[in-house]
Amino acid sequence: QVQLVESGGGLVQPGGSLRLSCAAAITFSFNNMAWYRQPPGKQRELVARISSSGSTDYAESVKGRFTISRDSTKNTVSLQMNSLKPEDTAVYYCYADTMLFGAYWGQGTQVTVSS
């Protein structure tokens, strides 16, 4: 059973920064890795995605503020979030998929942006 373990969530004031990290103790490599979020009362949505080659995609609402990165040698993915807004408040989930074994999700970490 593959577990994705997230860390770095918390409470931050508007305009502040947080860094989320996700790690998995596995012996094989992930294909795509991503961060999703689920705001209160809303559906889960893609925030940012990074492929095995390093190409990235971002939701329009976070472009220029968030940066996704990965270390494939350590099977980790991070999300640097700057200029946070109250509308960024959500539970953030780490996601990773493989060519042979399907997709995996983390347990979620709460990010709250409030003064």
Protein backbone atom coordinates (compact mmCIF):
# COMPACT_ATOMS: atom_id res chain seq x y z
CA GLN A 1 0.00 0.00 0.00
CA VAL A 2 1.55 3.27 -1.15
CA GLN A 3 1.08 6.21 1.19
CA LEU A 4 1.54 9.83 0.20
CA VAL A 5 2.33 11.88 3.29
CA GLU A 6 1.69 15.61 3.13
CA SER A 7 3.04 18.32 5.40
CA GLY A 8 3.20 22.11 5.59
CA GLY A 9 -0.41 23.23 5.86
CA GLY A 10 -1.64 25.71 8.44
CA LEU A 11 -3.04 29.16 9.08
CA VAL A 12 -1.55 32.16 7.28
CA GLN A 13 -2.55 35.78 6.80
CA PRO A 14 -3.52 37.12 3.36
CA GLY A 15 -0.39 37.91 1.38
CA GLY A 16 1.63 35.32 3.23
CA SER A 17 3.37 32.16 2.02
CA LEU A 18 3.28 28.46 2.75
CA ARG A 19 5.13 25.49 1.34
CA LEU A 20 3.43 22.10 1.07
CA SER A 21 5.44 18.92 0.71
CA CYS A 22 4.46 15.37 -0.14
CA ALA A 23 6.59 12.25 0.08
CA ALA A 24 6.15 8.56 -0.60
CA ALA A 25 8.30 5.67 0.50
CA ILE A 26 8.32 3.59 -2.67
CA THR A 27 10.83 1.85 -4.90
CA PHE A 28 9.25 2.73 -8.25
CA SER A 29 8.87 6.10 -9.97
CA PHE A 30 5.77 8.20 -10.33
CA ASN A 31 4.61 9.53 -13.68
CA ASN A 32 2.57 12.67 -13.02
CA MET A 33 2.48 14.34 -9.61
CA ALA A 34 0.04 17.06 -8.67
CA TRP A 35 -1.70 19.09 -6.02
CA TYR A 36 -5.48 19.36 -5.86
CA ARG A 37 -7.59 21.30 -3.43
CA GLN A 38 -11.15 21.20 -2.15
CA PRO A 39 -12.53 24.49 -0.83
CA PRO A 40 -15.36 24.31 1.74
CA GLY A 41 -18.60 23.26 0.05
CA LYS A 42 -16.99 22.90 -3.37
CA GLN A 43 -15.61 20.15 -5.57
CA ARG A 44 -11.99 19.10 -5.66
CA GLU A 45 -10.00 20.98 -8.30
CA LEU A 46 -6.56 20.76 -9.87
CA VAL A 47 -4.11 23.34 -8.57
CA ALA A 48 -0.87 22.34 -10.29
CA ARG A 49 0.59 19.33 -12.05
CA ILE A 50 4.12 18.29 -12.99
CA SER A 51 5.04 15.47 -15.34
CA SER A 52 7.98 13.10 -15.11
CA SER A 53 9.80 15.30 -17.65
CA GLY A 54 9.21 18.41 -15.54
CA SER A 55 6.53 20.13 -17.60
CA THR A 56 3.97 21.96 -15.47
CA ASP A 57 0.36 23.11 -15.62
CA TYR A 58 -1.39 25.51 -13.25
CA ALA A 59 -4.93 26.56 -12.56
CA GLU A 60 -5.51 30.09 -13.82
CA SER A 61 -6.32 31.26 -10.31
CA VAL A 62 -2.83 30.39 -9.00
CA LYS A 63 -0.60 31.23 -11.97
CA GLY A 64 2.23 33.53 -10.97
CA ARG A 65 1.69 32.83 -7.26
CA PHE A 66 2.20 29.07 -6.85
CA THR A 67 5.13 26.94 -8.01
CA ILE A 68 5.15 23.15 -8.16
CA SER A 69 8.40 21.21 -8.09
CA ARG A 70 9.49 17.62 -7.66
CA ASP A 71 12.50 15.54 -6.77
CA SER A 72 12.06 12.30 -8.67
CA THR A 73 15.04 10.68 -6.96
CA LYS A 74 13.25 11.06 -3.62
CA ASN A 75 9.65 10.74 -4.89
CA THR A 76 8.67 14.07 -3.42
CA VAL A 77 6.57 16.94 -4.74
CA SER A 78 6.26 20.42 -3.27
CA LEU A 79 4.00 23.40 -3.76
CA GLN A 80 5.32 26.86 -2.93
CA MET A 81 2.37 29.18 -2.37
CA ASN A 82 2.97 32.93 -2.29
CA SER A 83 0.64 35.91 -2.11
CA LEU A 84 -2.03 33.74 -0.55
CA LYS A 85 -5.64 34.89 -0.69
CA PRO A 86 -8.64 33.93 1.44
CA GLU A 87 -10.05 32.09 -1.58
CA ASP A 88 -7.04 29.75 -1.44
CA THR A 89 -8.48 28.30 1.76
CA ALA A 90 -9.04 24.59 1.18
CA VAL A 91 -7.90 21.11 1.98
CA TYR A 92 -4.92 20.42 -0.28
CA TYR A 93 -4.31 16.89 -1.57
CA CYS A 94 -1.19 15.38 -3.04
CA TYR A 95 -1.69 13.14 -6.08
CA ALA A 96 0.65 10.81 -7.94
CA ASP A 97 0.14 8.25 -10.67
CA THR A 98 2.10 5.44 -12.23
CA MET A 99 2.12 3.67 -15.58
CA LEU A 100 1.43 0.26 -14.05
CA PHE A 101 -0.11 0.63 -10.61
CA GLY A 102 -2.68 3.39 -10.91
CA ALA A 103 -3.07 6.60 -8.93
CA TYR A 104 -2.60 7.53 -5.28
CA TRP A 105 -3.86 10.33 -3.04
CA GLY A 106 -2.60 11.84 0.17
CA GLN A 107 -4.82 12.29 3.20
CA GLY A 108 -5.08 16.06 2.75
CA THR A 109 -3.70 19.04 4.64
CA GLN A 110 -5.69 22.12 5.64
CA VAL A 111 -4.62 25.55 4.40
CA THR A 112 -6.48 28.50 5.89
CA VAL A 113 -5.85 32.04 4.73
CA SER A 114 -7.38 34.51 7.14
CA SER A 115 -6.56 37.64 9.08
